[in-house]
Amino acid sequence: TYSDPISFRSLVIIQGGSPILVGDYMDSYQSDPYKAAKQLTADIKQKMESLVIHSPDEEGEIVLKQIVQLESSERPKSFVKTFEKAQEIAQKVSTWRAQQIEGYHHFQQISLSYFDALEQKSLKDSALVKSQVKPSTSWGLQNVFGALLAPLFPIGWLNHALANGIPWLLVKKLNLYIGYTSNVKLLTALFTYPIFYGLQIWLVHRLGGSPGMTLGYLLFLVLSGLFTSWFMTYYAHLKEERLARRLRKSEPSTYQALFDNRSKLLSLLQEAKIIY
């Protein structure tokens, strides 16, 4: 389970689970091979579902992700804790959907409308929650910190633009199913990384004329790459919160409608005992 399956250097949880002993199915296989194979397949499926955040279909997966986002925005936690909470929520939502389908569908309609409205305003649920809190000293310091580091970003970005930009651009142009994007990026990078980083290092070596400068540039590539990746994420979060605060001032009625819908969704989840 990935924290972000299509982003570079995202976190991952690997669950192995207990072994399934095929020998346990021997007696069943000897009496009815088809039935034994079908049971083994069903047991594998059940075991795998217990190790991930499982939803029975794509529609349910969307609703589940939205519920997890709502809960995580209220109570931010580590990736591991979020994963564990999401597994718990998935089981409760499955029961809710089976036993109270009308209530589930009512929530689904409001939730889809709410998240569509957020997307139209380029907002995130977590940013909306943060915008409710009065800006603190740390918020001001973050803006100052971001402004001070901003001039370093173009330097780092330019040094990695070709090697990383071409895989990204190719994925965008192909408009692939999201499950294939990481594979295409990785396969493309197998060519762009050695070609463009190799050319850049060769050029620095030719112009600098000293091993020390070449090694220094290699170190710069590593550090600037880490910084550029971090700054893009940092700035994105900062921008999202700014957008939410700006909407609160410029369009108070729209902002309040979003927040009212969010409050309604939380109430429905609490009534269904999905979250507390």
C-alpha atoms as a PDB file:
ATOM      1  CA  THR A   1       0.000   0.000   0.000  1.00  0.00           C
ATOM      2  CA  TYR A   2       1.522   3.299  -1.139  1.00  0.00           C
ATOM      3  CA  SER A   3       1.062   6.729   0.414  1.00  0.00           C
ATOM      4  CA  ASP A   4       0.965   8.011  -3.193  1.00  0.00           C
ATOM      5  CA  PRO A   5       1.292   5.284  -5.851  1.00  0.00           C
ATOM      6  CA  ILE A   6       2.241   7.644  -8.701  1.00  0.00           C
ATOM      7  CA  SER A   7       4.689   9.959  -6.891  1.00  0.00           C
ATOM      8  CA  PHE A   8       8.452   9.577  -6.620  1.00  0.00           C
ATOM      9  CA  ARG A   9       9.799   8.496  -3.200  1.00  0.00           C
ATOM     10  CA  SER A  10       6.354   7.861  -1.686  1.00  0.00           C
ATOM     11  CA  LEU A  11       6.036   5.694   1.413  1.00  0.00           C
ATOM     12  CA  VAL A  12       4.986   2.049   1.229  1.00  0.00           C
ATOM     13  CA  ILE A  13       3.626  -0.548   3.640  1.00  0.00           C
ATOM     14  CA  ILE A  14       4.302  -4.218   2.825  1.00  0.00           C
ATOM     15  CA  GLN A  15       2.113  -6.797   4.550  1.00  0.00           C
ATOM     16  CA  GLY A  16       3.003 -10.454   4.194  1.00  0.00           C
ATOM     17  CA  GLY A  17       0.339 -12.137   6.231  1.00  0.00           C
ATOM     18  CA  SER A  18       0.385 -15.766   7.396  1.00  0.00           C
ATOM     19  CA  PRO A  19       1.171 -18.575   4.931  1.00  0.00           C
ATOM     20  CA  ILE A  20      -1.580 -20.495   3.131  1.00  0.00           C
ATOM     21  CA  LEU A  21      -0.664 -24.186   3.254  1.00  0.00           C
ATOM     22  CA  VAL A  22      -1.755 -25.885   0.052  1.00  0.00           C
ATOM     23  CA  GLY A  23      -1.446 -29.257   1.794  1.00  0.00           C
ATOM     24  CA  ASP A  24      -4.511 -28.358   3.879  1.00  0.00           C
ATOM     25  CA  TYR A  25      -6.598 -28.724   0.699  1.00  0.00           C
ATOM     26  CA  MET A  26      -5.337 -32.195  -0.233  1.00  0.00           C
ATOM     27  CA  ASP A  27      -8.349 -34.153   1.052  1.00  0.00           C
ATOM     28  CA  SER A  28     -10.762 -31.780  -0.685  1.00  0.00           C
ATOM     29  CA  TYR A  29      -8.727 -31.976  -3.902  1.00  0.00           C
ATOM     30  CA  GLN A  30      -8.791 -35.755  -3.976  1.00  0.00           C
ATOM     31  CA  SER A  31     -12.578 -35.803  -3.729  1.00  0.00           C
ATOM     32  CA  ASP A  32     -13.269 -32.809  -6.012  1.00  0.00           C
ATOM     33  CA  PRO A  33     -10.310 -30.987  -7.664  1.00  0.00           C
ATOM     34  CA  TYR A  34     -12.483 -28.166  -9.046  1.00  0.00           C
ATOM     35  CA  LYS A  35     -14.095 -27.427  -5.685  1.00  0.00           C
ATOM     36  CA  ALA A  36     -10.710 -27.492  -3.912  1.00  0.00           C
ATOM     37  CA  ALA A  37      -9.155 -25.071  -6.417  1.00  0.00           C
ATOM     38  CA  LYS A  38     -12.151 -22.748  -6.109  1.00  0.00           C
ATOM     39  CA  GLN A  39     -11.928 -22.774  -2.303  1.00  0.00           C
ATOM     40  CA  LEU A  40      -8.174 -22.119  -2.376  1.00  0.00           C
ATOM     41  CA  THR A  41      -8.718 -19.185  -4.738  1.00  0.00           C
ATOM     42  CA  ALA A  42     -11.441 -17.765  -2.466  1.00  0.00           C
ATOM     43  CA  ASP A  43      -9.188 -18.093   0.585  1.00  0.00           C
ATOM     44  CA  ILE A  44      -6.297 -16.354  -1.197  1.00  0.00           C
ATOM     45  CA  LYS A  45      -8.660 -13.533  -2.150  1.00  0.00           C
ATOM     46  CA  GLN A  46      -9.930 -13.181   1.425  1.00  0.00           C
ATOM     47  CA  LYS A  47      -6.405 -13.166   2.863  1.00  0.00           C
ATOM     48  CA  MET A  48      -5.227 -10.533   0.378  1.00  0.00           C
ATOM     49  CA  GLU A  49      -8.254  -8.319   1.093  1.00  0.00           C
ATOM     50  CA  SER A  50      -7.421  -8.417   4.811  1.00  0.00           C
ATOM     51  CA  LEU A  51      -3.917  -7.050   4.125  1.00  0.00           C
ATOM     52  CA  VAL A  52      -4.948  -3.968   2.120  1.00  0.00           C
ATOM     53  CA  ILE A  53      -7.552  -1.202   2.268  1.00  0.00           C
ATOM     54  CA  HIS A  54     -10.243  -3.126   0.436  1.00  0.00           C
ATOM     55  CA  SER A  55     -13.365  -1.926  -1.318  1.00  0.00           C
ATOM     56  CA  PRO A  56     -15.566  -4.222  -3.438  1.00  0.00           C
ATOM     57  CA  ASP A  57     -15.784  -1.904  -6.474  1.00  0.00           C
ATOM     58  CA  GLU A  58     -14.518   1.373  -7.949  1.00  0.00           C
ATOM     59  CA  GLU A  59     -17.572   3.322  -6.778  1.00  0.00           C
ATOM     60  CA  GLY A  60     -17.038   2.143  -3.212  1.00  0.00           C
ATOM     61  CA  GLU A  61     -13.319   2.884  -3.439  1.00  0.00           C
ATOM     62  CA  ILE A  62     -14.022   6.535  -4.288  1.00  0.00           C
ATOM     63  CA  VAL A  63     -16.359   6.929  -1.312  1.00  0.00           C
ATOM     64  CA  LEU A  64     -13.908   5.148   0.989  1.00  0.00           C
ATOM     65  CA  LYS A  65     -11.041   7.445  -0.072  1.00  0.00           C
ATOM     66  CA  GLN A  66     -13.227  10.484   0.569  1.00  0.00           C
ATOM     67  CA  ILE A  67     -14.157   9.252   4.055  1.00  0.00           C
ATOM     68  CA  VAL A  68     -10.502   8.591   4.878  1.00  0.00           C
ATOM     69  CA  GLN A  69      -9.615  12.104   3.674  1.00  0.00           C
ATOM     70  CA  LEU A  70     -12.310  13.648   5.865  1.00  0.00           C
ATOM     71  CA  GLU A  71     -11.136  11.682   8.903  1.00  0.00           C
ATOM     72  CA  SER A  72      -7.439  12.350   8.251  1.00  0.00           C
ATOM     73  CA  SER A  73      -8.008  16.094   7.888  1.00  0.00           C
ATOM     74  CA  GLU A  74      -9.732  16.124  11.267  1.00  0.00           C
ATOM     75  CA  ARG A  75      -7.036  14.060  12.959  1.00  0.00           C
ATOM     76  CA  PRO A  76      -3.734  14.164  11.025  1.00  0.00           C
ATOM     77  CA  LYS A  77      -1.545  11.136  11.698  1.00  0.00           C
ATOM     78  CA  SER A  78       1.396   9.184  10.323  1.00  0.00           C
ATOM     79  CA  PHE A  79       1.075   7.097   7.157  1.00  0.00           C
ATOM     80  CA  VAL A  80       1.090   3.844   9.151  1.00  0.00           C
ATOM     81  CA  LYS A  81      -1.639   5.089  11.501  1.00  0.00           C
ATOM     82  CA  THR A  82      -3.656   6.391   8.535  1.00  0.00           C
ATOM     83  CA  PHE A  83      -3.383   2.979   6.873  1.00  0.00           C
ATOM     84  CA  GLU A  84      -4.577   1.180  10.009  1.00  0.00           C
ATOM     85  CA  LYS A  85      -7.469   3.623  10.430  1.00  0.00           C
ATOM     86  CA  ALA A  86      -8.428   3.258   6.767  1.00  0.00           C
ATOM     87  CA  GLN A  87      -8.604  -0.537   7.155  1.00  0.00           C
ATOM     88  CA  GLU A  88     -10.915  -0.098  10.135  1.00  0.00           C
ATOM     89  CA  ILE A  89     -13.087   2.400   8.242  1.00  0.00           C
ATOM     90  CA  ALA A  90     -13.256   0.093   5.189  1.00  0.00           C
ATOM     91  CA  GLN A  91     -14.758  -2.718   7.282  1.00  0.00           C
ATOM     92  CA  LYS A  92     -17.325  -0.369   8.849  1.00  0.00           C
ATOM     93  CA  VAL A  93     -18.280   1.141   5.478  1.00  0.00           C
ATOM     94  CA  SER A  94     -18.777  -2.346   4.008  1.00  0.00           C
ATOM     95  CA  THR A  95     -21.233  -3.170   6.806  1.00  0.00           C
ATOM     96  CA  TRP A  96     -22.943   0.228   6.472  1.00  0.00           C
ATOM     97  CA  ARG A  97     -23.395  -0.260   2.735  1.00  0.00           C
ATOM     98  CA  ALA A  98     -24.860  -3.737   3.204  1.00  0.00           C
ATOM     99  CA  GLN A  99     -27.228  -2.866   6.059  1.00  0.00           C
ATOM    100  CA  GLN A 100     -28.213   0.777   5.418  1.00  0.00           C
ATOM    101  CA  ILE A 101     -27.962   1.285   1.674  1.00  0.00           C
ATOM    102  CA  GLU A 102     -30.180   4.407   1.607  1.00  0.00           C
ATOM    103  CA  GLY A 103     -28.091   6.188   4.240  1.00  0.00           C
ATOM    104  CA  TYR A 104     -24.933   5.173   2.411  1.00  0.00           C
ATOM    105  CA  HIS A 105     -26.216   6.529  -0.919  1.00  0.00           C
ATOM    106  CA  HIS A 106     -27.353   9.770   0.737  1.00  0.00           C
ATOM    107  CA  PHE A 107     -23.833  10.267   2.089  1.00  0.00           C
ATOM    108  CA  GLN A 108     -22.332   9.312  -1.278  1.00  0.00           C
ATOM    109  CA  GLN A 109     -24.295  12.002  -3.150  1.00  0.00           C
ATOM    110  CA  ILE A 110     -23.313  14.775  -0.741  1.00  0.00           C
ATOM    111  CA  SER A 111     -19.708  13.592  -0.609  1.00  0.00           C
ATOM    112  CA  LEU A 112     -19.291  13.484  -4.398  1.00  0.00           C
ATOM    113  CA  SER A 113     -20.823  16.962  -4.663  1.00  0.00           C
ATOM    114  CA  TYR A 114     -18.549  18.317  -1.923  1.00  0.00           C
ATOM    115  CA  PHE A 115     -15.320  16.921  -3.382  1.00  0.00           C
ATOM    116  CA  ASP A 116     -16.308  18.019  -6.913  1.00  0.00           C
ATOM    117  CA  ALA A 117     -16.838  21.563  -5.573  1.00  0.00           C
ATOM    118  CA  LEU A 118     -13.400  21.433  -3.915  1.00  0.00           C
ATOM    119  CA  GLU A 119     -11.796  20.304  -7.168  1.00  0.00           C
ATOM    120  CA  GLN A 120     -13.437  23.152  -9.101  1.00  0.00           C
ATOM    121  CA  LYS A 121     -11.825  25.600  -6.672  1.00  0.00           C
ATOM    122  CA  SER A 122      -8.475  23.710  -6.757  1.00  0.00           C
ATOM    123  CA  LEU A 123      -8.809  23.064  -3.020  1.00  0.00           C
ATOM    124  CA  LYS A 124      -8.036  20.122  -0.751  1.00  0.00           C
ATOM    125  CA  ASP A 125     -10.148  19.072   2.208  1.00  0.00           C
ATOM    126  CA  SER A 126      -7.168  19.355   4.566  1.00  0.00           C
ATOM    127  CA  ALA A 127      -6.530  22.953   3.397  1.00  0.00           C
ATOM    128  CA  LEU A 128     -10.162  23.863   4.070  1.00  0.00           C
ATOM    129  CA  VAL A 129      -9.845  22.558   7.629  1.00  0.00           C
ATOM    130  CA  LYS A 130      -6.594  24.450   8.216  1.00  0.00           C
ATOM    131  CA  SER A 131      -8.169  27.666   6.913  1.00  0.00           C
ATOM    132  CA  GLN A 132     -10.622  27.581   9.819  1.00  0.00           C
ATOM    133  CA  VAL A 133      -7.763  28.128  12.242  1.00  0.00           C
ATOM    134  CA  LYS A 134      -6.516  31.665  12.720  1.00  0.00           C
ATOM    135  CA  PRO A 135      -3.076  32.107  11.077  1.00  0.00           C
ATOM    136  CA  SER A 136      -0.380  31.543  13.680  1.00  0.00           C
ATOM    137  CA  THR A 137       3.171  32.820  13.951  1.00  0.00           C
ATOM    138  CA  SER A 138       4.382  29.546  12.416  1.00  0.00           C
ATOM    139  CA  TRP A 139       2.154  30.155   9.373  1.00  0.00           C
ATOM    140  CA  GLY A 140       3.833  33.524   8.845  1.00  0.00           C
ATOM    141  CA  LEU A 141       7.269  31.999   9.332  1.00  0.00           C
ATOM    142  CA  GLN A 142       6.471  29.301   6.783  1.00  0.00           C
ATOM    143  CA  ASN A 143       5.647  31.971   4.205  1.00  0.00           C
ATOM    144  CA  VAL A 144       8.884  33.827   4.948  1.00  0.00           C
ATOM    145  CA  PHE A 145      10.853  30.556   4.859  1.00  0.00           C
ATOM    146  CA  GLY A 146       9.296  29.657   1.511  1.00  0.00           C
ATOM    147  CA  ALA A 147      10.102  33.104   0.076  1.00  0.00           C
ATOM    148  CA  LEU A 148      13.736  32.813   1.160  1.00  0.00           C
ATOM    149  CA  LEU A 149      14.176  29.379  -0.404  1.00  0.00           C
ATOM    150  CA  ALA A 150      12.230  30.159  -3.593  1.00  0.00           C
ATOM    151  CA  PRO A 151      15.256  31.586  -5.513  1.00  0.00           C
ATOM    152  CA  LEU A 152      17.078  28.253  -5.090  1.00  0.00           C
ATOM    153  CA  PHE A 153      14.264  26.288  -6.693  1.00  0.00           C
ATOM    154  CA  PRO A 154      14.800  27.348 -10.360  1.00  0.00           C
ATOM    155  CA  ILE A 155      18.480  26.376 -10.122  1.00  0.00           C
ATOM    156  CA  GLY A 156      17.643  22.887  -8.887  1.00  0.00           C
ATOM    157  CA  TRP A 157      14.703  22.527 -11.276  1.00  0.00           C
ATOM    158  CA  LEU A 158      16.759  23.401 -14.360  1.00  0.00           C
ATOM    159  CA  ASN A 159      19.394  20.775 -13.543  1.00  0.00           C
ATOM    160  CA  HIS A 160      16.750  18.039 -13.382  1.00  0.00           C
ATOM    161  CA  ALA A 161      14.253  19.333 -15.961  1.00  0.00           C
ATOM    162  CA  LEU A 162      15.215  17.099 -18.895  1.00  0.00           C
ATOM    163  CA  ALA A 163      15.900  13.840 -17.049  1.00  0.00           C
ATOM    164  CA  ASN A 164      12.669  14.068 -15.030  1.00  0.00           C
ATOM    165  CA  GLY A 165      10.557  16.297 -17.250  1.00  0.00           C
ATOM    166  CA  ILE A 166      10.491  14.077 -20.332  1.00  0.00           C
ATOM    167  CA  PRO A 167       9.001  11.027 -18.481  1.00  0.00           C
ATOM    168  CA  TRP A 168       6.413  13.333 -16.888  1.00  0.00           C
ATOM    169  CA  LEU A 169       5.573  14.978 -20.226  1.00  0.00           C
ATOM    170  CA  LEU A 170       5.271  11.609 -21.979  1.00  0.00           C
ATOM    171  CA  VAL A 171       2.785  10.339 -19.386  1.00  0.00           C
ATOM    172  CA  LYS A 172       0.777  13.545 -19.697  1.00  0.00           C
ATOM    173  CA  LYS A 173       0.654  13.352 -23.503  1.00  0.00           C
ATOM    174  CA  LEU A 174      -0.269   9.643 -23.581  1.00  0.00           C
ATOM    175  CA  ASN A 175      -3.095  10.233 -21.062  1.00  0.00           C
ATOM    176  CA  LEU A 176      -2.804   6.678 -19.727  1.00  0.00           C
ATOM    177  CA  TYR A 177      -4.786   4.887 -17.065  1.00  0.00           C
ATOM    178  CA  ILE A 178      -3.317   6.048 -13.751  1.00  0.00           C
ATOM    179  CA  GLY A 179      -2.153   2.514 -12.879  1.00  0.00           C
ATOM    180  CA  TYR A 180       0.325   2.572 -15.769  1.00  0.00           C
ATOM    181  CA  THR A 181       1.898   6.004 -15.190  1.00  0.00           C
ATOM    182  CA  SER A 182       4.602   4.874 -12.741  1.00  0.00           C
ATOM    183  CA  ASN A 183       5.740   2.073 -15.062  1.00  0.00           C
ATOM    184  CA  VAL A 184       5.984   4.420 -18.048  1.00  0.00           C
ATOM    185  CA  LYS A 185       7.873   7.024 -16.000  1.00  0.00           C
ATOM    186  CA  LEU A 186      10.323   4.411 -14.731  1.00  0.00           C
ATOM    187  CA  LEU A 187      10.954   2.834 -18.139  1.00  0.00           C
ATOM    188  CA  THR A 188      11.445   6.254 -19.758  1.00  0.00           C
ATOM    189  CA  ALA A 189      13.795   7.341 -16.967  1.00  0.00           C
ATOM    190  CA  LEU A 190      16.026   4.314 -17.694  1.00  0.00           C
ATOM    191  CA  PHE A 191      16.950   6.236 -20.859  1.00  0.00           C
ATOM    192  CA  THR A 192      16.628   9.900 -19.848  1.00  0.00           C
ATOM    193  CA  TYR A 193      18.644   9.603 -16.617  1.00  0.00           C
ATOM    194  CA  PRO A 194      21.891   8.207 -18.081  1.00  0.00           C
ATOM    195  CA  ILE A 195      21.587  10.326 -21.245  1.00  0.00           C
ATOM    196  CA  PHE A 196      20.907  13.761 -19.753  1.00  0.00           C
ATOM    197  CA  TYR A 197      22.676  13.432 -16.410  1.00  0.00           C
ATOM    198  CA  GLY A 198      25.595  11.876 -18.260  1.00  0.00           C
ATOM    199  CA  LEU A 199      25.739  14.797 -20.706  1.00  0.00           C
ATOM    200  CA  GLN A 200      25.493  17.351 -17.896  1.00  0.00           C
ATOM    201  CA  ILE A 201      28.297  15.711 -15.895  1.00  0.00           C
ATOM    202  CA  TRP A 202      30.452  15.402 -19.041  1.00  0.00           C
ATOM    203  CA  LEU A 203      29.870  19.088 -19.863  1.00  0.00           C
ATOM    204  CA  VAL A 204      30.825  20.230 -16.350  1.00  0.00           C
ATOM    205  CA  HIS A 205      33.934  18.037 -16.477  1.00  0.00           C
ATOM    206  CA  ARG A 206      34.941  19.459 -19.871  1.00  0.00           C
ATOM    207  CA  LEU A 207      34.377  23.060 -18.820  1.00  0.00           C
ATOM    208  CA  GLY A 208      35.738  22.731 -15.285  1.00  0.00           C
ATOM    209  CA  GLY A 209      38.655  20.548 -16.143  1.00  0.00           C
ATOM    210  CA  SER A 210      39.104  19.154 -12.623  1.00  0.00           C
ATOM    211  CA  PRO A 211      37.881  15.977 -10.881  1.00  0.00           C
ATOM    212  CA  GLY A 212      37.023  18.073  -7.819  1.00  0.00           C
ATOM    213  CA  MET A 213      34.537  20.210  -9.740  1.00  0.00           C
ATOM    214  CA  THR A 214      32.971  17.120 -11.329  1.00  0.00           C
ATOM    215  CA  LEU A 215      32.544  15.432  -7.936  1.00  0.00           C
ATOM    216  CA  GLY A 216      31.170  18.683  -6.548  1.00  0.00           C
ATOM    217  CA  TYR A 217      28.579  18.792  -9.328  1.00  0.00           C
ATOM    218  CA  LEU A 218      27.606  15.174  -8.639  1.00  0.00           C
ATOM    219  CA  LEU A 219      26.974  16.072  -4.995  1.00  0.00           C
ATOM    220  CA  PHE A 220      25.048  19.157  -6.113  1.00  0.00           C
ATOM    221  CA  LEU A 221      22.808  17.003  -8.345  1.00  0.00           C
ATOM    222  CA  VAL A 222      21.874  14.746  -5.434  1.00  0.00           C
ATOM    223  CA  LEU A 223      21.251  17.569  -2.947  1.00  0.00           C
ATOM    224  CA  SER A 224      19.447  19.820  -5.417  1.00  0.00           C
ATOM    225  CA  GLY A 225      17.233  16.909  -6.495  1.00  0.00           C
ATOM    226  CA  LEU A 226      16.195  16.221  -2.912  1.00  0.00           C
ATOM    227  CA  PHE A 227      15.611  19.922  -2.277  1.00  0.00           C
ATOM    228  CA  THR A 228      13.587  20.436  -5.473  1.00  0.00           C
ATOM    229  CA  SER A 229      11.355  17.443  -4.705  1.00  0.00           C
ATOM    230  CA  TRP A 230      10.803  18.625  -1.127  1.00  0.00           C
ATOM    231  CA  PHE A 231      10.173  22.260  -2.134  1.00  0.00           C
ATOM    232  CA  MET A 232       7.548  21.305  -4.733  1.00  0.00           C
ATOM    233  CA  THR A 233       5.600  19.375  -2.079  1.00  0.00           C
ATOM    234  CA  TYR A 234       6.107  22.107   0.515  1.00  0.00           C
ATOM    235  CA  TYR A 235       4.976  24.864  -1.845  1.00  0.00           C
ATOM    236  CA  ALA A 236       1.942  22.860  -3.007  1.00  0.00           C
ATOM    237  CA  HIS A 237       0.687  22.552   0.602  1.00  0.00           C
ATOM    238  CA  LEU A 238       1.359  26.235   1.222  1.00  0.00           C
ATOM    239  CA  LYS A 239      -0.474  27.211  -1.977  1.00  0.00           C
ATOM    240  CA  GLU A 240      -3.504  25.055  -1.095  1.00  0.00           C
ATOM    241  CA  GLU A 241      -3.859  26.716   2.294  1.00  0.00           C
ATOM    242  CA  ARG A 242      -3.480  30.176   0.761  1.00  0.00           C
ATOM    243  CA  LEU A 243      -6.235  29.391  -1.751  1.00  0.00           C
ATOM    244  CA  ALA A 244      -8.575  28.293   1.038  1.00  0.00           C
ATOM    245  CA  ARG A 245      -7.917  31.447   3.073  1.00  0.00           C
ATOM    246  CA  ARG A 246      -8.340  33.609  -0.011  1.00  0.00           C
ATOM    247  CA  LEU A 247     -11.687  31.942  -0.811  1.00  0.00           C
ATOM    248  CA  ARG A 248     -12.850  32.600   2.745  1.00  0.00           C
ATOM    249  CA  LYS A 249     -12.283  36.345   2.216  1.00  0.00           C
ATOM    250  CA  SER A 250     -13.282  36.750  -1.450  1.00  0.00           C
ATOM    251  CA  GLU A 251     -16.262  34.337  -1.618  1.00  0.00           C
ATOM    252  CA  PRO A 252     -17.567  33.890   1.934  1.00  0.00           C
ATOM    253  CA  SER A 253     -20.880  32.359   0.822  1.00  0.00           C
ATOM    254  CA  THR A 254     -19.136  29.708  -1.333  1.00  0.00           C
ATOM    255  CA  TYR A 255     -16.671  29.007   1.453  1.00  0.00           C
ATOM    256  CA  GLN A 256     -19.453  28.637   4.031  1.00  0.00           C
ATOM    257  CA  ALA A 257     -21.437  26.320   1.734  1.00  0.00           C
ATOM    258  CA  LEU A 258     -18.387  24.069   1.422  1.00  0.00           C
ATOM    259  CA  PHE A 259     -17.854  24.028   5.158  1.00  0.00           C
ATOM    260  CA  ASP A 260     -21.581  23.362   5.831  1.00  0.00           C
ATOM    261  CA  ASN A 261     -21.500  20.358   3.476  1.00  0.00           C
ATOM    262  CA  ARG A 262     -18.378  19.091   5.174  1.00  0.00           C
ATOM    263  CA  SER A 263     -20.015  19.379   8.600  1.00  0.00           C
ATOM    264  CA  LYS A 264     -23.056  17.503   7.256  1.00  0.00           C
ATOM    265  CA  LEU A 265     -20.820  14.688   5.988  1.00  0.00           C
ATOM    266  CA  LEU A 266     -19.106  14.353   9.369  1.00  0.00           C
ATOM    267  CA  SER A 267     -22.492  14.216  11.112  1.00  0.00           C
ATOM    268  CA  LEU A 268     -23.672  11.430   8.804  1.00  0.00           C
ATOM    269  CA  LEU A 269     -20.479   9.461   9.444  1.00  0.00           C
ATOM    270  CA  GLN A 270     -20.863   9.885  13.191  1.00  0.00           C
ATOM    271  CA  GLU A 271     -24.507   8.791  13.056  1.00  0.00           C
ATOM    272  CA  ALA A 272     -23.474   5.669  11.147  1.00  0.00           C
ATOM    273  CA  LYS A 273     -20.660   5.147  13.688  1.00  0.00           C
ATOM    274  CA  ILE A 274     -18.020   5.132  10.950  1.00  0.00           C
ATOM    275  CA  ILE A 275     -15.978   7.766  12.783  1.00  0.00           C
ATOM    276  CA  TYR A 276     -16.273   9.307  16.261  1.00  0.00           C
END
